[in-house]
């Protein structure tokens, strides 16, 4: 039995589908129910309340864990007591490049490494799905806004993260490894808006925000330290944050999906 936390999210929902199609028994954990493949057991739980995970972890073999809540040690202790032998943590690239800012995922990584379980850490770069933030203005006015219009980053398709997670959960040779997951090349915000326009068959207008404008917008839904860290990555990325990782191709035997692929697949959200 494989337990998938965040099972209704961008990565988790796809991971559940892949595992089920591969013949695995899956327990899907999320705060709220959502459509899941037939045969999947869903248990409502909140990572902020580790005890709510007890029933899901009892009798499980492996755990796909998100960085959520503030007590990773209790989650991992419950996992070990329930019989879990392997944990795959979905962390953030920032835990490696800017641990002084991304303290939360860094703390989860440290707890996983000390857990005594077989562990693998997946560090995600920026997600292609962050572009959904533009969906409202693209639908309404065919415009998108972002800061640092011409700074490129190798954003990654959540479907690739899910496929890598499935391979690691089911395969061997990944214990004690930390993988950075990126897309196949650098794209700027301007590039990504252009790719969405191409997928829609229409020209979109890109409006560059100032740093202060972007900061004010982000503060509406993100803590200030995370906002500052995010703006630093977006505006002045470190060399490691612009590096295209070979991990997706190494694990899956194919190149990562492109942003253009993602844009075509998700075009209905922008129409």
Protein backbone atom coordinates (compact mmCIF):
# COMPACT_ATOMS: atom_id res chain seq x y z
CA UNK A 1 0.00 0.00 0.00
CA UNK A 2 1.29 3.43 -0.99
CA UNK A 3 -0.03 6.49 0.84
CA UNK A 4 -0.16 9.69 -1.22
CA UNK A 5 -0.58 12.94 0.68
CA UNK A 6 -1.90 15.94 -1.22
CA UNK A 7 -3.69 13.41 -3.41
CA UNK A 8 -6.01 15.94 -5.03
CA UNK A 9 -3.30 18.47 -5.95
CA UNK A 10 -1.36 19.14 -9.14
CA UNK A 11 1.19 16.40 -8.48
CA UNK A 12 -0.75 14.09 -6.19
CA UNK A 13 -3.75 13.54 -8.41
CA UNK A 14 -1.56 12.52 -11.34
CA UNK A 15 0.61 10.35 -9.08
CA UNK A 16 -2.44 8.46 -7.82
CA UNK A 17 -3.55 7.81 -11.38
CA UNK A 18 -0.13 6.51 -12.45
CA UNK A 19 0.18 4.22 -9.43
CA UNK A 20 -3.30 2.78 -9.85
CA UNK A 21 -2.75 2.14 -13.55
CA UNK A 22 0.47 0.35 -12.56
CA UNK A 23 -1.46 -2.02 -10.33
CA UNK A 24 -0.58 -0.48 -6.96
CA UNK A 25 -2.92 -0.22 -3.99
CA UNK A 26 -3.21 3.43 -3.04
CA UNK A 27 -4.59 5.36 -0.09
CA UNK A 28 -5.27 8.95 -1.11
CA UNK A 29 -4.98 11.53 1.66
CA UNK A 30 -6.30 15.08 1.37
CA UNK A 31 -8.27 17.54 3.42
CA UNK A 32 -11.18 17.45 1.00
CA UNK A 33 -12.45 14.71 -1.31
CA UNK A 34 -12.12 14.91 -5.08
CA UNK A 35 -12.68 12.52 -7.99
CA UNK A 36 -10.24 9.61 -7.78
CA UNK A 37 -9.76 6.41 -9.78
CA UNK A 38 -11.90 3.42 -8.90
CA UNK A 39 -10.48 1.29 -6.12
CA UNK A 40 -8.60 4.12 -4.40
CA UNK A 41 -9.28 4.49 -0.70
CA UNK A 42 -9.64 8.14 0.31
CA UNK A 43 -9.08 9.26 3.87
CA UNK A 44 -9.54 12.89 4.93
CA UNK A 45 -6.58 14.13 6.94
CA UNK A 46 -4.54 17.25 7.50
CA UNK A 47 -0.73 17.23 7.64
CA UNK A 48 -1.02 19.98 10.25
CA UNK A 49 -2.58 17.32 12.50
CA UNK A 50 -0.26 14.29 12.32
CA UNK A 51 -2.59 12.08 14.35
CA UNK A 52 -5.21 12.41 11.61
CA UNK A 53 -2.85 10.38 9.39
CA UNK A 54 -2.70 7.35 11.68
CA UNK A 55 -5.44 5.34 9.94
CA UNK A 56 -3.96 6.01 6.50
CA UNK A 57 -0.44 4.97 7.52
CA UNK A 58 -1.36 1.79 9.37
CA UNK A 59 -0.27 -1.15 7.20
CA UNK A 60 1.26 1.02 4.46
CA UNK A 61 4.58 0.24 2.78
CA UNK A 62 5.49 3.64 1.31
CA UNK A 63 4.61 7.30 1.77
CA UNK A 64 4.63 10.22 -0.65
CA UNK A 65 4.91 13.26 1.61
CA UNK A 66 4.32 16.93 0.95
CA UNK A 67 5.93 19.76 2.90
CA UNK A 68 2.92 20.84 4.95
CA UNK A 69 2.25 21.27 8.64
CA UNK A 70 4.94 21.97 11.22
CA UNK A 71 5.72 18.56 12.73
CA UNK A 72 7.40 16.30 10.19
CA UNK A 73 8.96 14.17 12.93
CA UNK A 74 5.55 13.11 14.27
CA UNK A 75 4.38 12.22 10.75
CA UNK A 76 7.48 10.13 10.14
CA UNK A 77 7.23 8.43 13.54
CA UNK A 78 3.63 7.47 12.78
CA UNK A 79 4.70 6.22 9.35
CA UNK A 80 7.41 4.00 10.82
CA UNK A 81 5.04 2.67 13.49
CA UNK A 82 2.47 1.86 10.80
CA UNK A 83 4.94 -0.22 8.81
CA UNK A 84 6.14 2.31 6.21
CA UNK A 85 9.64 1.51 5.00
CA UNK A 86 10.08 4.11 2.24
CA UNK A 87 9.29 7.84 2.15
CA UNK A 88 9.51 10.12 -0.88
CA UNK A 89 9.42 13.81 0.04
CA UNK A 90 8.37 16.49 -2.43
CA UNK A 91 10.45 19.48 -1.39
CA UNK A 92 11.53 22.73 -3.01
CA UNK A 93 14.66 23.66 -4.90
CA UNK A 94 14.98 26.56 -2.48
CA UNK A 95 15.74 24.15 0.37
CA UNK A 96 19.04 23.51 -1.33
CA UNK A 97 19.84 26.91 -2.83
CA UNK A 98 18.43 29.22 -0.15
CA UNK A 99 17.90 27.19 3.06
CA UNK A 100 18.03 30.34 5.17
CA UNK A 101 14.79 31.47 3.46
CA UNK A 102 13.15 28.12 2.68
CA UNK A 103 13.48 26.88 6.25
CA UNK A 104 10.22 24.93 6.20
CA UNK A 105 11.13 22.48 3.40
CA UNK A 106 14.70 22.35 4.71
CA UNK A 107 13.38 21.21 8.10
CA UNK A 108 11.27 18.51 6.43
CA UNK A 109 14.31 17.32 4.49
CA UNK A 110 16.36 17.10 7.67
CA UNK A 111 13.62 15.12 9.44
CA UNK A 112 13.33 12.70 6.52
CA UNK A 113 17.09 12.10 6.46
CA UNK A 114 17.07 11.35 10.21
CA UNK A 115 13.92 9.19 10.09
CA UNK A 116 15.59 5.79 9.77
CA UNK A 117 13.38 5.07 6.74
CA UNK A 118 14.56 4.56 3.19
CA UNK A 119 14.20 8.07 1.81
CA UNK A 120 14.36 10.00 -1.43
CA UNK A 121 13.94 13.76 -1.75
CA UNK A 122 12.52 15.38 -4.88
CA UNK A 123 13.29 19.10 -5.08
CA UNK A 124 10.97 20.83 -7.50
CA UNK A 125 11.88 23.94 -9.37
CA UNK A 126 9.14 26.40 -10.28
CA UNK A 127 5.99 24.66 -11.51
CA UNK A 128 4.44 25.25 -14.91
CA UNK A 129 1.09 25.37 -13.13
CA UNK A 130 2.08 28.67 -11.52
CA UNK A 131 0.99 30.12 -14.88
CA UNK A 132 -2.61 29.43 -13.87
CA UNK A 133 -2.32 32.71 -11.95
CA UNK A 134 -2.70 34.37 -15.36
CA UNK A 135 -5.85 32.47 -16.32
CA UNK A 136 -8.33 35.12 -15.16
CA UNK A 137 -6.74 38.06 -16.96
CA UNK A 138 -6.02 36.01 -20.07
CA UNK A 139 -9.66 34.92 -20.27
CA UNK A 140 -10.99 38.40 -19.57
CA UNK A 141 -8.54 40.72 -21.33
CA UNK A 142 -6.00 38.53 -23.15
CA UNK A 143 -3.25 39.96 -20.93
CA UNK A 144 -0.78 38.57 -18.38
CA UNK A 145 1.46 40.39 -15.91
CA UNK A 146 4.65 39.32 -14.17
CA UNK A 147 7.93 40.85 -12.96
CA UNK A 148 11.38 40.18 -14.44
CA UNK A 149 10.03 39.64 -17.95
CA UNK A 150 13.29 38.45 -19.47
CA UNK A 151 14.80 36.31 -16.70
CA UNK A 152 14.67 32.63 -17.61
CA UNK A 153 14.06 29.64 -15.32
CA UNK A 154 13.64 25.92 -16.15
CA UNK A 155 10.12 25.44 -14.79
CA UNK A 156 8.85 21.87 -14.55
CA UNK A 157 5.61 20.10 -15.47
CA UNK A 158 3.89 18.62 -12.38
CA UNK A 159 3.07 15.56 -14.50
CA UNK A 160 6.81 14.88 -14.77
CA UNK A 161 7.19 15.21 -11.01
CA UNK A 162 4.36 12.70 -10.53
CA UNK A 163 5.92 10.27 -12.98
CA UNK A 164 9.31 10.55 -11.27
CA UNK A 165 7.69 10.06 -7.86
CA UNK A 166 5.92 6.92 -9.10
CA UNK A 167 9.18 5.53 -10.47
CA UNK A 168 11.00 6.21 -7.21
CA UNK A 169 8.21 4.77 -5.05
CA UNK A 170 8.08 1.57 -7.11
CA UNK A 171 11.70 1.19 -8.15
CA UNK A 172 15.12 0.65 -6.60
CA UNK A 173 18.39 2.53 -6.53
CA UNK A 174 16.95 5.80 -5.27
CA UNK A 175 17.46 5.44 -1.50
CA UNK A 176 19.40 8.31 0.02
CA UNK A 177 19.25 10.36 -3.17
CA UNK A 178 18.15 13.97 -3.62
CA UNK A 179 16.95 14.88 -7.11
CA UNK A 180 16.41 18.38 -8.49
CA UNK A 181 13.55 18.32 -11.00
CA UNK A 182 13.37 20.93 -13.76
CA UNK A 183 12.03 21.37 -17.25
CA UNK A 184 14.18 21.01 -20.38
CA UNK A 185 15.30 24.62 -20.76
CA UNK A 186 15.15 28.23 -19.60
CA UNK A 187 11.99 30.19 -20.32
CA UNK A 188 11.21 33.76 -19.35
CA UNK A 189 7.75 34.93 -18.24
CA UNK A 190 7.43 36.58 -21.65
CA UNK A 191 8.24 33.22 -23.30
CA UNK A 192 5.62 31.40 -21.23
CA UNK A 193 2.90 33.90 -22.08
CA UNK A 194 3.79 33.57 -25.76
CA UNK A 195 3.52 29.76 -25.49
CA UNK A 196 0.05 30.04 -23.95
CA UNK A 197 -0.99 32.38 -26.75
CA UNK A 198 0.29 29.89 -29.33
CA UNK A 199 -1.71 27.12 -27.66
CA UNK A 200 -4.82 29.31 -27.80
CA UNK A 201 -4.16 30.44 -31.35
CA UNK A 202 -4.21 34.09 -30.38
CA UNK A 203 -1.75 36.83 -29.45
CA UNK A 204 -1.56 37.74 -25.76
CA UNK A 205 -0.31 41.02 -24.32
CA UNK A 206 2.43 40.80 -21.70
CA UNK A 207 2.72 43.56 -19.08
CA UNK A 208 5.85 43.67 -16.96
CA UNK A 209 5.29 44.46 -13.27
CA UNK A 210 7.77 46.30 -11.11
CA UNK A 211 9.27 44.37 -8.24
CA UNK A 212 7.21 46.40 -5.76
CA UNK A 213 3.98 45.68 -7.63
CA UNK A 214 4.72 41.95 -7.67
CA UNK A 215 5.70 42.02 -3.99
CA UNK A 216 2.45 43.68 -2.96
CA UNK A 217 0.45 41.13 -4.93
CA UNK A 218 2.33 38.15 -3.48
CA UNK A 219 1.98 39.40 0.10
CA UNK A 220 -1.76 38.88 -0.22
CA UNK A 221 -1.30 35.11 -0.07
CA UNK A 222 2.34 34.36 0.90
CA UNK A 223 4.42 35.06 4.05
CA UNK A 224 6.94 37.87 3.63
CA UNK A 225 10.11 35.70 3.88
CA UNK A 226 8.78 33.41 1.14
CA UNK A 227 7.82 36.42 -0.99
CA UNK A 228 11.35 37.82 -0.69
CA UNK A 229 12.89 34.45 -1.49
CA UNK A 230 10.61 33.95 -4.48
CA UNK A 231 11.34 37.39 -5.87
CA UNK A 232 15.06 36.75 -5.45
CA UNK A 233 14.80 33.54 -7.47
CA UNK A 234 12.63 35.17 -10.13
CA UNK A 235 14.75 38.29 -10.47
CA UNK A 236 18.30 37.28 -9.58
CA UNK A 237 18.48 33.50 -9.75
CA UNK A 238 21.62 31.73 -8.60
CA UNK A 239 23.45 29.63 -11.20
CA UNK A 240 22.05 26.47 -9.58
CA UNK A 241 18.51 27.80 -9.97
CA UNK A 242 18.98 28.23 -13.72
CA UNK A 243 20.67 24.87 -14.20
CA UNK A 244 18.73 22.30 -16.22
CA UNK A 245 18.78 19.10 -14.19
CA UNK A 246 19.28 15.69 -15.88
CA UNK A 247 17.21 13.93 -13.20
CA UNK A 248 13.90 13.62 -15.08
CA UNK A 249 15.60 12.13 -18.13
CA UNK A 250 17.83 9.92 -15.99
CA UNK A 251 14.89 8.42 -14.09
CA UNK A 252 12.26 8.30 -16.85
CA UNK A 253 14.46 7.66 -19.87
CA UNK A 254 13.02 10.62 -21.77
CA UNK A 255 13.40 14.38 -21.82
CA UNK A 256 11.16 16.48 -19.56
CA UNK A 257 7.95 17.80 -21.09
CA UNK A 258 8.19 21.34 -22.43
CA UNK A 259 6.15 24.30 -21.25
CA UNK A 260 4.57 24.38 -24.71
CA UNK A 261 3.36 20.80 -24.15
CA UNK A 262 1.83 21.87 -20.87
CA UNK A 263 0.20 24.93 -22.42
CA UNK A 264 -1.49 22.85 -25.12
CA UNK A 265 -2.73 20.34 -22.55
CA UNK A 266 -4.17 23.03 -20.25
CA UNK A 267 -5.37 25.52 -22.89
CA UNK A 268 -9.06 25.19 -21.86
CA UNK A 269 -8.25 26.87 -18.54
CA UNK A 270 -7.18 30.01 -20.43
CA UNK A 271 -9.99 30.20 -23.00
